[in-house]
């Protein structure tokens, strides 16, 4: 089991390293001068040179990449004495704890990964992400919970009532949910339930998890979560219906199911106690993958419903060419995706020893 875990962690590390490399190269070849974005187009050359030196953009690309890796690594080596060094330990940038010295000027530290600063607001990207990520995570979790609950129920009913109107309705609904993009469905749902039927539903077609009253006090408004969660959850709902139906039908055709039926067990016990457990395995895989994907795919839904999550911040950063925010958000999505997949692999390894051999 330990070997299996180490192998999965190593694969996850390689994926993250690949994402970091692609993100760095992609955003460092784009046109635009961050220093002029931060100081304004009328900034003098001396000020621009100072900012570029601080960002490391006056150094070779390979050195910039090494600096970026050193900034992201929680365990890194820094120079404490030479301020001109590419790895200078700047207390304004890093929240760190010294471990032990490497040489007369270098020290090994453990620190919070440094995702740089926003070109526009000058705030740390980690602060922006930590403020907006919980809202996006809540939206993604609510969407996947909605899609999983109703998808599994409709998938089971569709398999049990094969070729009936229930089955046909579920399949049509699944095809409908898979074929329409989230931003189109979001506009329809916001218009119908948040505008036309607002008097009956009481649901807003835009709004964040928290609102502020006239006195500046913050209030939790959970009903603002309903419409965006349903919009984001329709696609995984459609996928889970089809997956649950096909998986359950396949399991129901197995020999051990026929044996259980021949022994006189009721149809309900055969389905719920024997078939359903094995039929849920591919659904669990899909749900785990969809959760990470929904966090990254929530951008359009957050814009439509004015949900102030990390997707909303990414769109604003793209509009302003604020590259550090986009790079930081991309890396966070990659980390979440890798962690979830590693956890799923570990759970499978515990439940099925055959998985550990692969």
Protein backbone atom coordinates (compact mmCIF):
# COMPACT_ATOMS: atom_id res chain seq x y z
CA UNK A 1 0.00 0.00 0.00
CA UNK A 2 2.89 2.36 0.78
CA UNK A 3 4.44 1.72 -2.63
CA UNK A 4 1.07 2.37 -4.28
CA UNK A 5 0.69 5.65 -2.35
CA UNK A 6 4.22 6.82 -3.19
CA UNK A 7 3.64 6.07 -6.88
CA UNK A 8 0.40 8.09 -6.93
CA UNK A 9 2.05 11.00 -5.12
CA UNK A 10 4.93 10.95 -7.59
CA UNK A 11 2.54 11.02 -10.55
CA UNK A 12 0.67 13.91 -8.94
CA UNK A 13 3.94 15.79 -8.48
CA UNK A 14 4.83 15.31 -12.16
CA UNK A 15 1.42 16.61 -13.21
CA UNK A 16 1.80 19.72 -11.05
CA UNK A 17 5.32 20.33 -12.34
CA UNK A 18 4.03 20.10 -15.91
CA UNK A 19 1.18 22.52 -15.19
CA UNK A 20 3.57 24.98 -13.51
CA UNK A 21 5.94 24.84 -16.49
CA UNK A 22 3.18 25.35 -19.07
CA UNK A 23 1.56 28.18 -17.09
CA UNK A 24 4.89 29.96 -16.62
CA UNK A 25 5.91 29.71 -20.27
CA UNK A 26 2.46 30.61 -21.56
CA UNK A 27 2.07 33.77 -19.54
CA UNK A 28 5.68 34.93 -19.87
CA UNK A 29 5.58 35.05 -23.68
CA UNK A 30 2.41 37.18 -23.78
CA UNK A 31 2.89 40.82 -24.79
CA UNK A 32 2.60 43.61 -22.26
CA UNK A 33 4.80 45.25 -19.64
CA UNK A 34 3.67 44.52 -16.05
CA UNK A 35 5.69 47.44 -14.73
CA UNK A 36 3.77 49.95 -16.86
CA UNK A 37 0.52 48.28 -15.87
CA UNK A 38 1.37 48.80 -12.22
CA UNK A 39 2.75 52.34 -12.55
CA UNK A 40 0.68 53.69 -15.46
CA UNK A 41 1.66 54.52 -19.00
CA UNK A 42 3.29 57.82 -17.94
CA UNK A 43 5.77 56.14 -15.61
CA UNK A 44 9.43 57.08 -16.09
CA UNK A 45 12.01 54.55 -17.23
CA UNK A 46 13.81 54.41 -13.88
CA UNK A 47 10.63 53.39 -12.03
CA UNK A 48 9.82 50.80 -14.69
CA UNK A 49 13.32 49.31 -14.38
CA UNK A 50 12.97 49.08 -10.59
CA UNK A 51 9.66 47.18 -10.86
CA UNK A 52 11.00 44.83 -13.54
CA UNK A 53 14.05 44.15 -11.38
CA UNK A 54 11.80 43.39 -8.42
CA UNK A 55 9.71 41.01 -10.56
CA UNK A 56 12.87 39.38 -11.91
CA UNK A 57 11.97 40.22 -15.51
CA UNK A 58 15.46 41.64 -16.12
CA UNK A 59 16.92 38.13 -15.74
CA UNK A 60 17.12 35.26 -18.27
CA UNK A 61 13.95 33.20 -18.72
CA UNK A 62 15.50 30.09 -17.13
CA UNK A 63 16.45 32.12 -14.04
CA UNK A 64 12.92 33.52 -13.87
CA UNK A 65 11.54 29.98 -13.97
CA UNK A 66 13.88 28.89 -11.16
CA UNK A 67 12.74 31.90 -9.11
CA UNK A 68 9.10 30.98 -9.78
CA UNK A 69 9.64 27.37 -8.67
CA UNK A 70 11.43 28.60 -5.55
CA UNK A 71 8.53 30.94 -4.78
CA UNK A 72 5.95 28.17 -5.14
CA UNK A 73 7.84 25.49 -3.23
CA UNK A 74 6.88 25.25 0.47
CA UNK A 75 10.44 24.09 1.17
CA UNK A 76 12.99 26.41 -0.44
CA UNK A 77 16.46 27.92 -0.20
CA UNK A 78 16.88 31.69 0.14
CA UNK A 79 19.67 34.23 0.47
CA UNK A 80 19.40 36.29 3.66
CA UNK A 81 22.11 38.87 3.02
CA UNK A 82 22.32 39.83 -0.66
CA UNK A 83 19.25 41.87 -1.68
CA UNK A 84 20.24 41.65 -5.35
CA UNK A 85 20.07 37.86 -5.24
CA UNK A 86 17.33 36.15 -7.25
CA UNK A 87 16.37 34.15 -4.15
CA UNK A 88 16.61 36.94 -1.56
CA UNK A 89 14.52 36.19 1.55
CA UNK A 90 12.20 39.21 1.52
CA UNK A 91 10.04 39.30 4.65
CA UNK A 92 7.47 41.44 2.77
CA UNK A 93 6.87 38.60 0.32
CA UNK A 94 7.12 35.44 2.36
CA UNK A 95 5.55 34.08 5.52
CA UNK A 96 8.31 31.66 6.52
CA UNK A 97 10.01 29.70 9.28
CA UNK A 98 13.80 29.25 9.22
CA UNK A 99 14.91 25.63 9.44
CA UNK A 100 18.73 25.62 9.25
CA UNK A 101 21.52 27.44 7.36
CA UNK A 102 22.90 25.99 4.11
CA UNK A 103 25.91 28.31 3.88
CA UNK A 104 27.09 31.61 5.30
CA UNK A 105 24.38 33.49 3.36
CA UNK A 106 21.76 30.89 2.41
CA UNK A 107 19.15 29.28 4.61
CA UNK A 108 16.52 26.56 4.17
CA UNK A 109 13.03 27.76 5.05
CA UNK A 110 9.52 26.35 5.13
CA UNK A 111 7.01 28.88 3.89
CA UNK A 112 3.61 29.56 2.42
CA UNK A 113 3.83 29.34 -1.40
CA UNK A 114 4.22 32.83 -2.85
CA UNK A 115 1.98 33.37 -5.90
CA UNK A 116 3.26 36.91 -6.58
CA UNK A 117 1.17 40.10 -6.39
CA UNK A 118 -1.64 41.45 -8.51
CA UNK A 119 -0.46 43.96 -11.08
CA UNK A 120 -3.60 46.05 -10.55
CA UNK A 121 -4.48 45.94 -6.84
CA UNK A 122 -0.94 45.16 -5.53
CA UNK A 123 -2.51 42.58 -3.20
CA UNK A 124 -0.99 39.15 -2.76
CA UNK A 125 -2.57 36.63 -5.11
CA UNK A 126 -2.78 34.15 -2.22
CA UNK A 127 -4.98 36.63 -0.31
CA UNK A 128 -7.28 37.10 -3.31
CA UNK A 129 -7.61 33.35 -3.80
CA UNK A 130 -8.14 32.58 -0.10
CA UNK A 131 -10.98 35.13 -0.03
CA UNK A 132 -12.78 33.88 -3.16
CA UNK A 133 -11.98 30.14 -3.25
CA UNK A 134 -14.45 29.15 -0.47
CA UNK A 135 -17.37 30.63 -2.43
CA UNK A 136 -16.41 28.68 -5.55
CA UNK A 137 -15.82 25.49 -3.55
CA UNK A 138 -19.25 25.83 -1.93
CA UNK A 139 -20.87 26.38 -5.32
CA UNK A 140 -19.09 23.35 -6.84
CA UNK A 141 -19.91 21.14 -3.84
CA UNK A 142 -23.58 22.16 -3.92
CA UNK A 143 -23.75 21.54 -7.68
CA UNK A 144 -22.15 18.08 -7.45
CA UNK A 145 -24.35 17.16 -4.47
CA UNK A 146 -27.46 18.18 -6.44
CA UNK A 147 -26.30 16.32 -9.55
CA UNK A 148 -25.26 13.18 -7.63
CA UNK A 149 -28.43 12.87 -5.53
CA UNK A 150 -30.94 13.28 -8.32
CA UNK A 151 -28.72 11.63 -10.94
CA UNK A 152 -28.37 8.41 -8.94
CA UNK A 153 -32.09 8.30 -8.16
CA UNK A 154 -33.13 8.91 -11.78
CA UNK A 155 -30.49 6.48 -13.04
CA UNK A 156 -31.75 3.71 -10.75
CA UNK A 157 -35.37 4.35 -11.76
CA UNK A 158 -34.38 4.41 -15.42
CA UNK A 159 -32.63 1.04 -15.12
CA UNK A 160 -35.41 -0.59 -13.08
CA UNK A 161 -38.14 0.78 -15.36
CA UNK A 162 -36.26 0.06 -18.58
CA UNK A 163 -38.10 0.99 -21.80
CA UNK A 164 -40.95 2.66 -19.87
CA UNK A 165 -41.87 6.34 -19.97
CA UNK A 166 -39.69 6.90 -16.87
CA UNK A 167 -36.65 5.53 -18.71
CA UNK A 168 -37.37 7.54 -21.85
CA UNK A 169 -37.95 10.74 -19.89
CA UNK A 170 -34.68 10.28 -17.99
CA UNK A 171 -32.70 9.67 -21.18
CA UNK A 172 -34.22 12.70 -22.94
CA UNK A 173 -33.47 14.83 -19.90
CA UNK A 174 -29.90 13.50 -19.81
CA UNK A 175 -29.32 14.29 -23.49
CA UNK A 176 -30.82 17.73 -22.97
CA UNK A 177 -28.54 18.41 -20.01
CA UNK A 178 -25.41 17.24 -21.81
CA UNK A 179 -26.06 19.11 -25.06
CA UNK A 180 -26.67 22.61 -23.69
CA UNK A 181 -23.70 24.60 -22.33
CA UNK A 182 -23.82 25.95 -18.78
CA UNK A 183 -23.74 29.61 -19.79
CA UNK A 184 -26.84 29.18 -21.98
CA UNK A 185 -28.72 27.21 -19.32
CA UNK A 186 -27.65 29.82 -16.76
CA UNK A 187 -29.17 32.65 -18.76
CA UNK A 188 -32.45 30.74 -19.16
CA UNK A 189 -32.66 29.80 -15.47
CA UNK A 190 -31.76 33.32 -14.33
CA UNK A 191 -34.38 34.85 -16.63
CA UNK A 192 -37.19 32.39 -15.82
CA UNK A 193 -36.78 31.75 -12.09
CA UNK A 194 -34.98 34.93 -11.07
CA UNK A 195 -36.97 37.42 -13.18
CA UNK A 196 -40.27 36.12 -14.61
CA UNK A 197 -41.17 33.98 -11.59
CA UNK A 198 -39.42 36.05 -8.92
CA UNK A 199 -42.74 36.84 -7.22
CA UNK A 200 -43.32 33.12 -6.68
CA UNK A 201 -39.78 31.80 -6.15
CA UNK A 202 -38.22 34.73 -4.28
CA UNK A 203 -34.89 33.80 -5.88
CA UNK A 204 -32.51 36.47 -7.14
CA UNK A 205 -30.98 36.13 -10.58
CA UNK A 206 -27.74 37.56 -9.21
CA UNK A 207 -26.09 37.87 -5.83
CA UNK A 208 -23.25 36.47 -3.71
CA UNK A 209 -23.28 34.28 -0.64
CA UNK A 210 -22.92 37.35 1.57
CA UNK A 211 -24.62 40.72 1.19
CA UNK A 212 -24.13 44.01 3.02
CA UNK A 213 -26.92 46.15 4.40
CA UNK A 214 -27.02 49.95 4.65
CA UNK A 215 -25.04 49.81 7.90
CA UNK A 216 -22.20 47.79 6.37
CA UNK A 217 -23.09 44.58 8.20
CA UNK A 218 -22.56 41.30 6.34
CA UNK A 219 -25.45 38.81 6.06
CA UNK A 220 -25.49 35.21 4.82
CA UNK A 221 -27.98 34.69 1.96
CA UNK A 222 -28.08 30.97 1.14
CA UNK A 223 -30.94 31.31 -1.34
CA UNK A 224 -28.55 33.05 -3.75
CA UNK A 225 -26.79 29.67 -4.02
CA UNK A 226 -29.80 27.78 -5.40
CA UNK A 227 -29.95 28.97 -9.02
CA UNK A 228 -26.19 28.88 -9.77
CA UNK A 229 -25.85 25.46 -8.08
CA UNK A 230 -28.68 24.02 -10.19
CA UNK A 231 -27.19 25.55 -13.35
CA UNK A 232 -23.73 24.15 -12.65
CA UNK A 233 -25.10 20.78 -11.55
CA UNK A 234 -27.25 20.02 -14.60
CA UNK A 235 -24.39 18.66 -16.71
CA UNK A 236 -23.04 16.23 -14.06
CA UNK A 237 -26.67 15.30 -13.32
CA UNK A 238 -27.17 14.28 -16.94
CA UNK A 239 -23.90 12.34 -17.01
CA UNK A 240 -24.65 10.50 -13.76
CA UNK A 241 -28.13 9.48 -15.00
CA UNK A 242 -26.65 7.79 -18.07
CA UNK A 243 -23.72 6.32 -16.17
CA UNK A 244 -25.86 4.99 -13.31
CA UNK A 245 -28.38 3.46 -15.71
CA UNK A 246 -25.81 1.67 -17.90
CA UNK A 247 -23.75 0.51 -14.91
CA UNK A 248 -26.75 -0.88 -13.03
CA UNK A 249 -28.07 -2.67 -16.12
CA UNK A 250 -24.66 -4.26 -16.67
CA UNK A 251 -24.43 -5.42 -13.05
CA UNK A 252 -27.99 -6.78 -13.14
CA UNK A 253 -26.95 -9.11 -15.98
CA UNK A 254 -24.17 -10.75 -13.93
CA UNK A 255 -24.37 -14.36 -12.78
CA UNK A 256 -24.33 -13.61 -9.05
CA UNK A 257 -27.39 -11.39 -9.46
CA UNK A 258 -29.26 -14.21 -11.18
CA UNK A 259 -28.14 -16.56 -8.41
CA UNK A 260 -29.44 -14.18 -5.72
CA UNK A 261 -32.76 -13.93 -7.56
CA UNK A 262 -32.99 -17.72 -7.91
CA UNK A 263 -32.52 -18.11 -4.15
CA UNK A 264 -35.75 -16.23 -3.61
CA UNK A 265 -34.48 -12.78 -2.62
CA UNK A 266 -36.89 -9.97 -3.36
CA UNK A 267 -36.17 -7.71 -6.34
CA UNK A 268 -35.67 -4.77 -3.99
CA UNK A 269 -33.01 -6.59 -1.94
CA UNK A 270 -31.23 -7.79 -5.04
CA UNK A 271 -31.00 -4.27 -6.46
CA UNK A 272 -30.30 -2.30 -3.28
CA UNK A 273 -28.06 -4.74 -1.38
CA UNK A 274 -26.16 -6.49 -4.17
CA UNK A 275 -26.28 -4.68 -7.50
CA UNK A 276 -26.22 -1.04 -6.41
CA UNK A 277 -22.96 -1.27 -4.47
CA UNK A 278 -20.98 -2.49 -7.49
CA UNK A 279 -22.84 -0.21 -9.90
CA UNK A 280 -21.80 2.88 -7.94
CA UNK A 281 -18.05 2.44 -8.58
CA UNK A 282 -17.94 4.26 -11.97
CA UNK A 283 -20.29 6.91 -10.60
CA UNK A 284 -17.89 7.67 -7.73
CA UNK A 285 -15.08 8.09 -10.26
CA UNK A 286 -17.16 10.48 -12.35
CA UNK A 287 -18.28 12.51 -9.32
CA UNK A 288 -14.72 12.97 -8.07
CA UNK A 289 -13.53 14.13 -11.48
CA UNK A 290 -16.51 16.41 -11.98
CA UNK A 291 -16.00 18.18 -8.63
CA UNK A 292 -12.54 19.41 -9.59
CA UNK A 293 -13.78 20.23 -13.08
CA UNK A 294 -16.73 22.21 -11.76
CA UNK A 295 -14.46 24.49 -9.72
CA UNK A 296 -12.61 25.43 -12.89
CA UNK A 297 -15.78 25.49 -15.00
CA UNK A 298 -17.75 27.74 -12.67
CA UNK A 299 -16.43 30.86 -14.41
CA UNK A 300 -19.42 31.47 -16.72
CA UNK A 301 -21.96 30.63 -14.02
CA UNK A 302 -20.33 33.04 -11.56
CA UNK A 303 -20.41 35.81 -14.14
CA UNK A 304 -24.09 35.22 -15.02
CA UNK A 305 -25.25 35.16 -11.39
CA UNK A 306 -22.68 37.69 -10.12
CA UNK A 307 -21.36 35.08 -7.70
CA UNK A 308 -18.15 36.50 -6.25
CA UNK A 309 -15.94 33.45 -6.46
CA UNK A 310 -12.54 32.74 -7.90
CA UNK A 311 -14.00 32.41 -11.41
CA UNK A 312 -15.32 35.96 -11.20
CA UNK A 313 -11.86 37.17 -10.15
CA UNK A 314 -10.21 35.29 -13.03
CA UNK A 315 -12.46 36.96 -15.61
CA UNK A 316 -11.74 40.41 -14.18
CA UNK A 317 -8.01 39.59 -14.15
CA UNK A 318 -8.14 38.52 -17.81
CA UNK A 319 -9.93 41.74 -18.73
CA UNK A 320 -7.21 43.75 -16.98
CA UNK A 321 -4.33 41.51 -18.17
CA UNK A 322 -3.56 40.81 -14.50
CA UNK A 323 -1.47 37.71 -15.17
CA UNK A 324 -0.39 36.73 -11.62
CA UNK A 325 -4.03 36.29 -10.55
CA UNK A 326 -4.78 34.09 -13.58
CA UNK A 327 -1.61 32.06 -13.06
CA UNK A 328 -2.34 31.60 -9.34
CA UNK A 329 -5.94 30.52 -9.96
CA UNK A 330 -4.83 28.05 -12.65
CA UNK A 331 -2.32 26.46 -10.28
CA UNK A 332 -4.90 26.21 -7.49
CA UNK A 333 -7.34 24.43 -9.83
CA UNK A 334 -4.55 22.02 -10.82
CA UNK A 335 -3.66 21.32 -7.18
CA UNK A 336 -7.31 20.63 -6.30
CA UNK A 337 -7.68 18.30 -9.27
CA UNK A 338 -4.51 16.34 -8.40
CA UNK A 339 -5.39 16.06 -4.69
CA UNK A 340 -8.91 14.79 -5.42
CA UNK A 341 -7.62 12.19 -7.89
CA UNK A 342 -4.99 10.99 -5.42
CA UNK A 343 -7.62 10.65 -2.67
CA UNK A 344 -9.89 8.68 -5.01
CA UNK A 345 -6.98 6.37 -5.96
CA UNK A 346 -6.21 5.79 -2.28
CA UNK A 347 -9.86 4.97 -1.51
CA UNK A 348 -9.97 2.54 -4.43
CA UNK A 349 -6.73 0.97 -3.24
CA UNK A 350 -8.24 0.39 0.20
CA UNK A 351 -11.50 -1.02 -1.16
CA UNK A 352 -10.06 -3.14 -3.97
CA UNK A 353 -6.53 -4.63 -3.48
CA UNK A 354 -6.34 -5.36 -7.23
CA UNK A 355 -6.02 -1.62 -7.92
CA UNK A 356 -2.78 -1.43 -5.97
CA UNK A 357 -1.07 -3.77 -8.42
CA UNK A 358 -1.69 -1.45 -11.40
